[in-house]
Amino acid sequence: MAASLAPCLKSHEMKFADYAKSAGLALLVLALDVLIAIVVVYIYARLHHISSPQFYASTAAVSVALWSTRIAGTGLMFGTAWFFGRGKSQKAAYIASVVLFATYAVVDAASTGFQGVFNISFAFTMALKLCASLCGAAIATFRSRSIE
């Protein structure tokens, strides 16, 4: 039985440590994404001297944070998937990028108590991040595919 599994266990496959690294990087990306959104909202508020009622300020902050996470978060997902996928096989890079995205999406949704998860805005943002993660893996493995 063990001999039949041996061909499947090659050195270029993902190990448990790789899954853990990918999940850990997802948590780091989420933390950086939130930090960037906070900084962007703060800068926006300072530049526009928001002195209007609290309702307008909180509404503007949500909109600015949403666009910030769509831009910065997507870039972070792409960069992380690219960085982590370098030197890996194509299959391992894609698996790592999917684990990266899935961990990010679940923790992001859980951080809001899964409220607002089933709307088009959240789906669009997550679709952007999934595409960025997969593109990062594709570009990370592109050179190794073209050499073979």
Protein backbone atom coordinates (compact mmCIF):
# COMPACT_ATOMS: atom_id res chain seq x y z
CA MET A 1 0.00 0.00 0.00
CA ALA A 2 2.80 2.43 0.91
CA ALA A 3 4.56 1.71 -2.38
CA SER A 4 1.48 2.78 -4.34
CA LEU A 5 1.48 6.16 -2.59
CA ALA A 6 5.19 6.82 -3.14
CA PRO A 7 4.86 8.27 -6.66
CA CYS A 8 2.33 10.83 -5.36
CA LEU A 9 4.64 12.12 -2.64
CA LYS A 10 7.24 14.09 -4.57
CA SER A 11 9.34 16.87 -3.16
CA HIS A 12 7.55 19.54 -5.20
CA GLU A 13 4.21 18.87 -3.50
CA MET A 14 2.84 20.99 -0.67
CA LYS A 15 3.72 20.00 2.88
CA PHE A 16 1.78 20.83 6.02
CA ALA A 17 4.23 23.64 6.75
CA ASP A 18 3.43 25.18 3.36
CA TYR A 19 -0.29 25.18 4.15
CA ALA A 20 0.44 26.77 7.53
CA LYS A 21 2.69 29.42 5.94
CA SER A 22 0.04 30.23 3.38
CA ALA A 23 -2.64 30.58 6.07
CA GLY A 24 -0.32 32.69 8.20
CA LEU A 25 0.46 34.95 5.27
CA ALA A 26 -3.28 35.38 4.72
CA LEU A 27 -3.63 36.67 8.28
CA LEU A 28 -0.71 39.04 7.70
CA VAL A 29 -2.23 40.28 4.44
CA LEU A 30 -5.57 40.89 6.17
CA ALA A 31 -3.90 42.81 8.99
CA LEU A 32 -1.93 44.94 6.50
CA ASP A 33 -5.06 45.52 4.43
CA VAL A 34 -6.97 46.78 7.47
CA LEU A 35 -4.03 48.95 8.53
CA ILE A 36 -3.78 50.48 5.05
CA ALA A 37 -7.53 51.14 5.02
CA ILE A 38 -7.30 52.92 8.38
CA VAL A 39 -4.42 55.09 7.15
CA VAL A 40 -6.24 55.91 3.90
CA VAL A 41 -9.44 56.87 5.72
CA TYR A 42 -7.44 59.03 8.13
CA ILE A 43 -5.65 60.80 5.27
CA TYR A 44 -8.93 61.27 3.42
CA ALA A 45 -10.53 62.79 6.51
CA ARG A 46 -7.57 65.11 7.09
CA LEU A 47 -7.41 66.25 3.46
CA HIS A 48 -11.13 66.91 3.18
CA HIS A 49 -11.40 68.45 6.64
CA ILE A 50 -14.48 66.45 7.41
CA SER A 51 -16.23 68.66 9.91
CA SER A 52 -19.71 67.73 8.82
CA PRO A 53 -22.09 65.63 10.90
CA GLN A 54 -20.91 62.25 12.14
CA PHE A 55 -23.26 60.43 9.74
CA TYR A 56 -21.52 61.86 6.66
CA ALA A 57 -18.08 61.16 8.06
CA SER A 58 -18.89 57.52 8.83
CA THR A 59 -20.56 57.03 5.42
CA ALA A 60 -17.56 58.51 3.61
CA ALA A 61 -15.19 56.37 5.70
CA VAL A 62 -16.96 53.17 4.68
CA SER A 63 -16.79 54.08 1.00
CA VAL A 64 -13.13 55.10 1.16
CA ALA A 65 -12.19 51.98 3.14
CA LEU A 66 -14.03 49.79 0.63
CA TRP A 67 -12.09 51.21 -2.31
CA SER A 68 -8.87 51.11 -0.35
CA THR A 69 -9.23 47.41 0.38
CA ARG A 70 -10.19 46.69 -3.23
CA ILE A 71 -7.03 48.34 -4.47
CA ALA A 72 -4.45 47.73 -1.75
CA GLY A 73 -5.81 44.34 -0.66
CA THR A 74 -5.85 43.06 -4.21
CA GLY A 75 -2.25 44.18 -4.68
CA LEU A 76 -1.25 42.55 -1.42
CA MET A 77 -2.89 39.26 -2.43
CA PHE A 78 -1.15 39.32 -5.80
CA GLY A 79 2.25 40.12 -4.29
CA THR A 80 1.94 37.52 -1.56
CA ALA A 81 0.86 34.76 -3.94
CA TRP A 82 3.67 35.69 -6.33
CA PHE A 83 6.29 35.79 -3.57
CA PHE A 84 5.16 32.54 -1.98
CA GLY A 85 4.74 30.78 -5.35
CA ARG A 86 8.26 31.44 -6.62
CA GLY A 87 10.33 28.29 -6.81
CA LYS A 88 7.32 26.02 -6.35
CA SER A 89 5.71 23.75 -8.87
CA GLN A 90 2.72 25.12 -10.71
CA LYS A 91 0.34 22.90 -8.75
CA ALA A 92 1.86 23.84 -5.37
CA ALA A 93 1.76 27.56 -6.21
CA TYR A 94 -1.91 27.39 -7.19
CA ILE A 95 -2.80 25.38 -4.09
CA ALA A 96 -0.94 27.88 -1.91
CA SER A 97 -2.77 30.79 -3.57
CA VAL A 98 -6.16 29.15 -3.01
CA VAL A 99 -5.31 28.46 0.65
CA LEU A 100 -4.15 32.07 0.96
CA PHE A 101 -7.42 33.35 -0.48
CA ALA A 102 -9.68 30.94 1.42
CA THR A 103 -8.08 31.76 4.76
CA TYR A 104 -8.30 35.48 4.02
CA ALA A 105 -11.96 35.26 2.98
CA VAL A 106 -13.05 33.18 5.97
CA VAL A 107 -11.24 35.33 8.53
CA ASP A 108 -12.45 38.54 6.86
CA ALA A 109 -16.04 37.30 6.91
CA ALA A 110 -15.71 36.04 10.49
CA SER A 111 -14.35 39.39 11.63
CA THR A 112 -17.73 40.94 10.86
CA GLY A 113 -19.72 38.06 12.29
CA PHE A 114 -20.55 36.96 8.73
CA GLN A 115 -22.82 39.99 8.33
CA GLY A 116 -22.83 41.54 4.89
CA VAL A 117 -21.13 38.50 3.40
CA PHE A 118 -23.98 37.62 1.07
CA ASN A 119 -24.04 40.83 -0.94
CA ILE A 120 -22.63 41.85 -4.30
CA SER A 121 -20.04 44.23 -2.83
CA PHE A 122 -18.38 41.54 -0.70
CA ALA A 123 -18.55 39.04 -3.55
CA PHE A 124 -16.95 41.52 -5.97
CA THR A 125 -14.15 42.34 -3.52
CA MET A 126 -13.45 38.66 -2.85
CA ALA A 127 -13.53 37.88 -6.59
CA LEU A 128 -10.89 40.55 -7.16
CA LYS A 129 -8.71 39.05 -4.46
CA LEU A 130 -9.15 35.51 -5.75
CA CYS A 131 -8.18 36.62 -9.27
CA ALA A 132 -5.17 38.50 -7.90
CA SER A 133 -4.05 35.49 -5.89
CA LEU A 134 -4.34 33.14 -8.86
CA CYS A 135 -2.59 35.63 -11.16
CA GLY A 136 0.24 35.93 -8.65
CA ALA A 137 0.67 32.16 -8.67
CA ALA A 138 0.51 32.07 -12.46
CA ILE A 139 3.20 34.72 -12.86
CA ALA A 140 5.36 33.12 -10.16
CA THR A 141 5.39 29.84 -12.08
CA PHE A 142 5.41 31.30 -15.60
CA ARG A 143 9.18 31.43 -15.94
CA SER A 144 9.65 27.87 -14.69
CA ARG A 145 7.03 26.66 -17.20
CA SER A 146 8.67 28.46 -20.12
CA ILE A 147 12.11 26.97 -19.33
CA GLU A 148 10.89 23.37 -19.19
